[in-house]
Amino acid sequence: MTNANEWSFIISVFVFTFLLMLGVLLFGLNKGLEKKVKIPYKYMLVFLVLVFV
């Protein structure tokens, strides 16, 4: 899908996405946002397994 030939690209995308998530949580940028959709965690687990496969 991304035509990535090296694992370093995939790992760097994962690491920077994780750092972005940590920054949002540490600085509280998600506070005050209304959660409009409740996603069942079992569906998120299936999605996560499919992504890693």
N, C-alpha and C. Protein backbone atom coordinates (compact mmCIF):
# COMPACT_ATOMS: atom_id res chain seq x y z
N MET A 1 0.82 -1.18 0.00
CA MET A 1 0.00 0.00 0.00
C MET A 1 0.87 1.26 0.00
N THR A 2 1.95 1.25 0.77
CA THR A 2 2.82 2.43 0.81
C THR A 2 4.07 2.26 -0.04
N ASN A 3 4.25 1.08 -0.60
CA ASN A 3 5.44 0.75 -1.38
C ASN A 3 6.71 0.93 -0.55
N ALA A 4 6.58 0.59 0.74
CA ALA A 4 7.73 0.68 1.64
C ALA A 4 8.59 -0.56 1.47
N ASN A 5 9.85 -0.37 1.14
CA ASN A 5 10.76 -1.49 0.93
C ASN A 5 11.61 -1.79 2.15
N GLU A 6 11.63 -0.91 3.10
CA GLU A 6 12.45 -1.09 4.29
C GLU A 6 11.56 -1.08 5.53
N TRP A 7 11.92 -1.93 6.49
CA TRP A 7 11.19 -1.97 7.75
C TRP A 7 11.39 -0.69 8.55
N SER A 8 12.47 0.02 8.29
CA SER A 8 12.74 1.24 9.05
C SER A 8 11.64 2.29 8.83
N PHE A 9 11.07 2.32 7.63
CA PHE A 9 9.98 3.27 7.36
C PHE A 9 8.76 2.93 8.20
N ILE A 10 8.38 1.67 8.23
CA ILE A 10 7.21 1.25 8.99
C ILE A 10 7.42 1.47 10.48
N ILE A 11 8.62 1.17 10.96
CA ILE A 11 8.93 1.37 12.38
C ILE A 11 8.92 2.86 12.72
N SER A 12 9.46 3.69 11.84
CA SER A 12 9.48 5.13 12.12
C SER A 12 8.07 5.71 12.13
N VAL A 13 7.19 5.23 11.26
CA VAL A 13 5.79 5.69 11.28
C VAL A 13 5.14 5.31 12.60
N PHE A 14 5.37 4.08 13.04
CA PHE A 14 4.81 3.63 14.31
C PHE A 14 5.34 4.45 15.48
N VAL A 15 6.65 4.68 15.51
CA VAL A 15 7.27 5.43 16.61
C VAL A 15 6.76 6.87 16.65
N PHE A 16 6.71 7.55 15.51
CA PHE A 16 6.26 8.93 15.51
C PHE A 16 4.77 9.05 15.82
N THR A 17 3.97 8.08 15.41
CA THR A 17 2.56 8.09 15.77
C THR A 17 2.40 7.89 17.27
N PHE A 18 3.19 7.00 17.85
CA PHE A 18 3.16 6.78 19.29
C PHE A 18 3.59 8.03 20.05
N LEU A 19 4.63 8.70 19.56
CA LEU A 19 5.07 9.95 20.20
C LEU A 19 4.01 11.04 20.11
N LEU A 20 3.33 11.11 18.99
CA LEU A 20 2.24 12.08 18.83
C LEU A 20 1.13 11.78 19.83
N MET A 21 0.77 10.51 19.99
CA MET A 21 -0.25 10.13 20.94
C MET A 21 0.17 10.50 22.37
N LEU A 22 1.44 10.24 22.72
CA LEU A 22 1.93 10.59 24.05
C LEU A 22 1.88 12.10 24.28
N GLY A 23 2.24 12.87 23.26
CA GLY A 23 2.19 14.33 23.39
C GLY A 23 0.78 14.83 23.63
N VAL A 24 -0.17 14.29 22.92
CA VAL A 24 -1.57 14.69 23.10
C VAL A 24 -2.04 14.35 24.51
N LEU A 25 -1.68 13.16 24.99
CA LEU A 25 -2.11 12.76 26.33
C LEU A 25 -1.40 13.56 27.42
N LEU A 26 -0.10 13.79 27.28
CA LEU A 26 0.65 14.51 28.31
C LEU A 26 0.24 15.97 28.42
N PHE A 27 -0.01 16.62 27.29
CA PHE A 27 -0.39 18.02 27.31
C PHE A 27 -1.89 18.22 27.46
N GLY A 28 -2.64 17.14 27.52
CA GLY A 28 -4.08 17.23 27.74
C GLY A 28 -4.84 17.86 26.58
N LEU A 29 -4.35 17.68 25.37
CA LEU A 29 -5.01 18.29 24.22
C LEU A 29 -6.33 17.61 23.88
N ASN A 30 -6.58 16.46 24.48
CA ASN A 30 -7.83 15.77 24.23
C ASN A 30 -8.91 16.12 25.26
N LYS A 31 -8.58 16.94 26.23
CA LYS A 31 -9.55 17.33 27.26
C LYS A 31 -10.59 18.27 26.66
N GLY A 32 -11.81 18.09 27.06
CA GLY A 32 -12.88 18.96 26.60
C GLY A 32 -13.46 18.58 25.25
N LEU A 33 -12.92 17.56 24.61
CA LEU A 33 -13.47 17.12 23.34
C LEU A 33 -14.58 16.11 23.62
N GLU A 34 -15.68 16.29 22.94
CA GLU A 34 -16.81 15.40 23.14
C GLU A 34 -16.58 14.10 22.38
N LYS A 35 -16.77 12.98 23.08
CA LYS A 35 -16.63 11.68 22.44
C LYS A 35 -17.98 11.33 21.83
N LYS A 36 -18.04 11.36 20.51
CA LYS A 36 -19.31 11.19 19.82
C LYS A 36 -19.65 9.73 19.54
N VAL A 37 -18.63 8.91 19.34
CA VAL A 37 -18.86 7.52 18.96
C VAL A 37 -18.18 6.62 19.97
N LYS A 38 -18.92 5.64 20.45
CA LYS A 38 -18.32 4.65 21.35
C LYS A 38 -18.00 3.41 20.53
N ILE A 39 -16.72 3.09 20.43
CA ILE A 39 -16.27 1.96 19.63
C ILE A 39 -16.05 0.77 20.55
N PRO A 40 -16.70 -0.35 20.26
CA PRO A 40 -16.45 -1.55 21.08
C PRO A 40 -14.99 -1.99 20.95
N TYR A 41 -14.37 -2.31 22.07
CA TYR A 41 -12.95 -2.64 22.08
C TYR A 41 -12.65 -3.94 21.35
N LYS A 42 -13.63 -4.86 21.26
CA LYS A 42 -13.35 -6.10 20.54
C LYS A 42 -13.14 -5.83 19.05
N TYR A 43 -13.83 -4.83 18.50
CA TYR A 43 -13.62 -4.47 17.10
C TYR A 43 -12.27 -3.80 16.90
N MET A 44 -11.84 -3.02 17.87
CA MET A 44 -10.52 -2.40 17.79
C MET A 44 -9.42 -3.45 17.87
N LEU A 45 -9.64 -4.49 18.67
CA LEU A 45 -8.66 -5.56 18.77
C LEU A 45 -8.54 -6.31 17.44
N VAL A 46 -9.68 -6.58 16.81
CA VAL A 46 -9.65 -7.24 15.50
C VAL A 46 -8.92 -6.37 14.48
N PHE A 47 -9.20 -5.07 14.48
CA PHE A 47 -8.53 -4.15 13.57
C PHE A 47 -7.02 -4.14 13.83
N LEU A 48 -6.62 -4.11 15.09
CA LEU A 48 -5.20 -4.09 15.43
C LEU A 48 -4.50 -5.36 14.97
N VAL A 49 -5.15 -6.50 15.14
CA VAL A 49 -4.56 -7.77 14.68
C VAL A 49 -4.41 -7.75 13.15
N LEU A 50 -5.42 -7.25 12.46
CA LEU A 50 -5.35 -7.19 10.99
C LEU A 50 -4.24 -6.25 10.51
N VAL A 51 -4.03 -5.16 11.23
CA VAL A 51 -2.98 -4.21 10.85
C VAL A 51 -1.62 -4.87 10.99
N PHE A 52 -1.39 -5.60 12.06
CA PHE A 52 -0.09 -6.21 12.28
C PHE A 52 0.15 -7.42 11.38
N VAL A 53 -0.93 -8.06 10.92
CA VAL A 53 -0.78 -9.18 9.99
C VAL A 53 -0.38 -8.65 8.64
